[in-house]
């Protein structure tokens, strides 16, 4: 292919999915609630319609930072 193998863009997906599962288990163990993703521009969960806690916001921010870092490193 002209730009390389198409699957190479997905090579770090396993790491991102593992990170999500670890945060989910952490949330279930310590918060006794399922890990949620806040809606864009809102402090409520999209599916359960419950208010997102500060701990969940920090975990979500950490997850997004890791995702961006992985994406940047993969482009180089």
C-alpha atoms as a PDB file:
ATOM      1  CA  UNK A   1       0.000   0.000   0.000  1.00  0.00           C
ATOM      2  CA  UNK A   2       1.083   3.557  -0.632  1.00  0.00           C
ATOM      3  CA  UNK A   3       1.054   4.715   3.038  1.00  0.00           C
ATOM      4  CA  UNK A   4       1.928   1.387   4.639  1.00  0.00           C
ATOM      5  CA  UNK A   5      -0.136  -1.398   6.128  1.00  0.00           C
ATOM      6  CA  UNK A   6      -3.610  -0.269   7.192  1.00  0.00           C
ATOM      7  CA  UNK A   7      -3.575  -2.235  10.460  1.00  0.00           C
ATOM      8  CA  UNK A   8      -0.508  -0.367  11.752  1.00  0.00           C
ATOM      9  CA  UNK A   9      -2.785   2.436  13.018  1.00  0.00           C
ATOM     10  CA  UNK A  10      -4.445  -0.054  15.371  1.00  0.00           C
ATOM     11  CA  UNK A  11      -1.286  -1.531  16.890  1.00  0.00           C
ATOM     12  CA  UNK A  12      -1.609   0.265  20.245  1.00  0.00           C
ATOM     13  CA  UNK A  13      -5.336  -0.345  20.636  1.00  0.00           C
ATOM     14  CA  UNK A  14      -4.688  -3.300  22.955  1.00  0.00           C
ATOM     15  CA  UNK A  15      -2.860  -1.003  25.378  1.00  0.00           C
ATOM     16  CA  UNK A  16      -5.682   1.542  25.358  1.00  0.00           C
ATOM     17  CA  UNK A  17      -8.312  -1.163  25.941  1.00  0.00           C
ATOM     18  CA  UNK A  18      -6.249  -2.602  28.793  1.00  0.00           C
ATOM     19  CA  UNK A  19      -5.995   0.851  30.373  1.00  0.00           C
ATOM     20  CA  UNK A  20      -9.768   1.301  30.114  1.00  0.00           C
ATOM     21  CA  UNK A  21     -10.389  -2.068  31.776  1.00  0.00           C
ATOM     22  CA  UNK A  22      -7.937  -1.279  34.592  1.00  0.00           C
ATOM     23  CA  UNK A  23      -9.681   2.037  35.266  1.00  0.00           C
ATOM     24  CA  UNK A  24     -13.025   0.243  35.180  1.00  0.00           C
ATOM     25  CA  UNK A  25     -11.908  -2.346  37.745  1.00  0.00           C
ATOM     26  CA  UNK A  26     -10.431   0.430  39.911  1.00  0.00           C
ATOM     27  CA  UNK A  27     -13.729   2.299  39.804  1.00  0.00           C
ATOM     28  CA  UNK A  28     -15.756  -0.802  40.660  1.00  0.00           C
ATOM     29  CA  UNK A  29     -13.456  -1.719  43.526  1.00  0.00           C
ATOM     30  CA  UNK A  30     -13.094   1.708  45.166  1.00  0.00           C
ATOM     31  CA  UNK A  31     -16.246   3.608  44.125  1.00  0.00           C
ATOM     32  CA  UNK A  32     -18.622   0.646  43.918  1.00  0.00           C
ATOM     33  CA  UNK A  33     -19.875   2.147  40.649  1.00  0.00           C
ATOM     34  CA  UNK A  34     -19.232   1.486  36.996  1.00  0.00           C
ATOM     35  CA  UNK A  35     -16.622   3.738  35.353  1.00  0.00           C
ATOM     36  CA  UNK A  36     -18.384   6.368  33.255  1.00  0.00           C
ATOM     37  CA  UNK A  37     -17.421   8.714  30.469  1.00  0.00           C
ATOM     38  CA  UNK A  38     -18.788  12.246  30.871  1.00  0.00           C
ATOM     39  CA  UNK A  39     -20.747  13.819  28.042  1.00  0.00           C
ATOM     40  CA  UNK A  40     -19.141  16.606  26.080  1.00  0.00           C
ATOM     41  CA  UNK A  41     -19.793  19.857  27.932  1.00  0.00           C
ATOM     42  CA  UNK A  42     -21.733  18.164  30.736  1.00  0.00           C
ATOM     43  CA  UNK A  43     -21.077  16.678  34.176  1.00  0.00           C
ATOM     44  CA  UNK A  44     -23.509  13.795  33.626  1.00  0.00           C
ATOM     45  CA  UNK A  45     -23.024  10.301  32.251  1.00  0.00           C
ATOM     46  CA  UNK A  46     -24.515   9.679  28.809  1.00  0.00           C
ATOM     47  CA  UNK A  47     -26.093   6.286  29.539  1.00  0.00           C
ATOM     48  CA  UNK A  48     -26.879   6.215  33.269  1.00  0.00           C
ATOM     49  CA  UNK A  49     -27.675   9.935  33.619  1.00  0.00           C
ATOM     50  CA  UNK A  50     -25.876  10.188  36.949  1.00  0.00           C
ATOM     51  CA  UNK A  51     -23.541  12.942  38.059  1.00  0.00           C
ATOM     52  CA  UNK A  52     -19.869  12.257  37.406  1.00  0.00           C
ATOM     53  CA  UNK A  53     -17.602  12.479  40.471  1.00  0.00           C
ATOM     54  CA  UNK A  54     -14.244  14.260  40.660  1.00  0.00           C
ATOM     55  CA  UNK A  55     -12.466  10.908  40.871  1.00  0.00           C
ATOM     56  CA  UNK A  56     -14.096   9.774  37.635  1.00  0.00           C
ATOM     57  CA  UNK A  57     -13.222  13.066  35.948  1.00  0.00           C
ATOM     58  CA  UNK A  58      -9.562  12.615  36.945  1.00  0.00           C
ATOM     59  CA  UNK A  59      -9.533   9.037  35.633  1.00  0.00           C
ATOM     60  CA  UNK A  60     -11.162  10.184  32.400  1.00  0.00           C
ATOM     61  CA  UNK A  61      -8.618  12.998  31.989  1.00  0.00           C
ATOM     62  CA  UNK A  62      -5.759  10.551  32.633  1.00  0.00           C
ATOM     63  CA  UNK A  63      -7.205   8.177  30.052  1.00  0.00           C
ATOM     64  CA  UNK A  64      -7.457  10.925  27.431  1.00  0.00           C
ATOM     65  CA  UNK A  65      -3.904  12.149  28.113  1.00  0.00           C
ATOM     66  CA  UNK A  66      -2.581   8.608  27.675  1.00  0.00           C
ATOM     67  CA  UNK A  67      -4.584   8.254  24.460  1.00  0.00           C
ATOM     68  CA  UNK A  68      -3.136  11.482  23.030  1.00  0.00           C
ATOM     69  CA  UNK A  69       0.417  10.542  24.060  1.00  0.00           C
ATOM     70  CA  UNK A  70       0.062   7.108  22.457  1.00  0.00           C
ATOM     71  CA  UNK A  71      -1.291   8.707  19.274  1.00  0.00           C
ATOM     72  CA  UNK A  72       1.583  11.196  19.091  1.00  0.00           C
ATOM     73  CA  UNK A  73       4.211   8.523  19.726  1.00  0.00           C
ATOM     74  CA  UNK A  74       2.652   6.278  17.099  1.00  0.00           C
ATOM     75  CA  UNK A  75       2.842   9.007  14.450  1.00  0.00           C
ATOM     76  CA  UNK A  76       6.620   9.350  14.806  1.00  0.00           C
END
